[in-house]
């Protein structure tokens, strides 16, 4: 499934939240030489238990991701993570 996210680099910790209908993913890495993108893919893949790839927006904070799995599974996991670590 494709998922649109807004990345917040240089955060204190990895966290996921929903704001204005868009998933916000906070990553500790700075947006320097692709570090935040690599960390986004790695941490989100680990958290969701499924491969994640950036499809669009590699140089933007707003990205489209391809996540393996069904839409209902991915969204339920995102909601659970967001509730665990509200930002």
Protein backbone atom coordinates (compact mmCIF):
# COMPACT_ATOMS: atom_id res chain seq x y z
CA UNK A 1 0.00 0.00 0.00
CA UNK A 2 1.11 3.58 -0.50
CA UNK A 3 1.27 5.85 2.51
CA UNK A 4 1.80 9.59 2.61
CA UNK A 5 3.86 10.89 5.54
CA UNK A 6 5.48 14.09 6.72
CA UNK A 7 8.93 13.53 8.16
CA UNK A 8 10.20 15.53 11.13
CA UNK A 9 13.99 15.12 11.21
CA UNK A 10 16.28 15.88 14.15
CA UNK A 11 13.64 14.79 16.69
CA UNK A 12 14.48 13.68 20.22
CA UNK A 13 13.18 10.16 19.52
CA UNK A 14 11.41 8.04 16.92
CA UNK A 15 7.67 8.65 17.12
CA UNK A 16 4.59 8.54 14.93
CA UNK A 17 1.56 10.81 15.19
CA UNK A 18 -1.43 11.85 13.10
CA UNK A 19 -2.08 15.52 12.45
CA UNK A 20 -4.57 17.04 10.01
CA UNK A 21 -5.08 13.67 8.31
CA UNK A 22 -1.37 13.13 7.62
CA UNK A 23 0.94 10.73 9.43
CA UNK A 24 3.94 12.52 10.96
CA UNK A 25 7.05 10.42 11.53
CA UNK A 26 9.67 11.87 13.86
CA UNK A 27 13.21 10.56 13.32
CA UNK A 28 16.33 11.41 15.36
CA UNK A 29 18.63 11.74 12.33
CA UNK A 30 19.32 15.10 10.73
CA UNK A 31 18.21 15.71 7.15
CA UNK A 32 21.78 15.60 5.90
CA UNK A 33 23.01 13.42 3.02
CA UNK A 34 19.99 11.12 3.21
CA UNK A 35 20.47 10.17 6.86
CA UNK A 36 16.88 10.97 7.83
CA UNK A 37 15.56 8.98 4.84
CA UNK A 38 17.63 5.92 5.74
CA UNK A 39 16.54 6.13 9.35
CA UNK A 40 12.90 6.66 8.33
CA UNK A 41 12.92 3.51 6.19
CA UNK A 42 14.79 1.44 8.78
CA UNK A 43 12.81 2.46 11.84
CA UNK A 44 9.44 2.33 10.12
CA UNK A 45 10.20 -1.08 8.60
CA UNK A 46 11.13 -2.39 12.02
CA UNK A 47 8.10 -0.85 13.71
CA UNK A 48 5.64 -2.15 11.12
CA UNK A 49 7.36 -5.48 10.59
CA UNK A 50 7.23 -4.97 6.82
CA UNK A 51 9.51 -3.59 4.10
CA UNK A 52 9.19 0.16 3.45
CA UNK A 53 10.52 2.12 0.46
CA UNK A 54 10.37 5.80 -0.49
CA UNK A 55 8.44 6.14 -3.76
CA UNK A 56 8.23 9.93 -3.99
CA UNK A 57 9.67 12.91 -2.11
CA UNK A 58 13.21 11.77 -1.34
CA UNK A 59 14.31 15.41 -0.97
CA UNK A 60 11.12 16.68 0.63
CA UNK A 61 9.69 16.36 4.12
CA UNK A 62 6.47 15.11 2.57
CA UNK A 63 6.98 11.61 1.21
CA UNK A 64 5.03 8.80 -0.37
CA UNK A 65 6.07 5.41 0.95
CA UNK A 66 5.37 1.92 -0.34
CA UNK A 67 4.66 -0.40 2.58
CA UNK A 68 4.20 -4.14 2.15
CA UNK A 69 0.98 -5.41 3.66
CA UNK A 70 -2.70 -4.74 3.58
CA UNK A 71 -4.04 -1.27 4.23
CA UNK A 72 -5.96 -2.34 7.33
CA UNK A 73 -2.91 -4.07 8.87
CA UNK A 74 -0.57 -1.14 8.22
CA UNK A 75 -3.01 1.48 9.49
CA UNK A 76 -3.84 -0.50 12.63
CA UNK A 77 -0.12 -0.86 13.41
CA UNK A 78 0.44 2.88 12.83
CA UNK A 79 -2.46 3.75 15.14
CA UNK A 80 -1.11 1.44 17.84
CA UNK A 81 2.38 2.96 17.60
CA UNK A 82 0.94 6.50 17.67
CA UNK A 83 -1.01 5.72 20.84
CA UNK A 84 2.07 4.23 22.52
CA UNK A 85 4.30 7.23 21.93
CA UNK A 86 2.16 10.33 21.66
CA UNK A 87 4.29 13.33 20.79
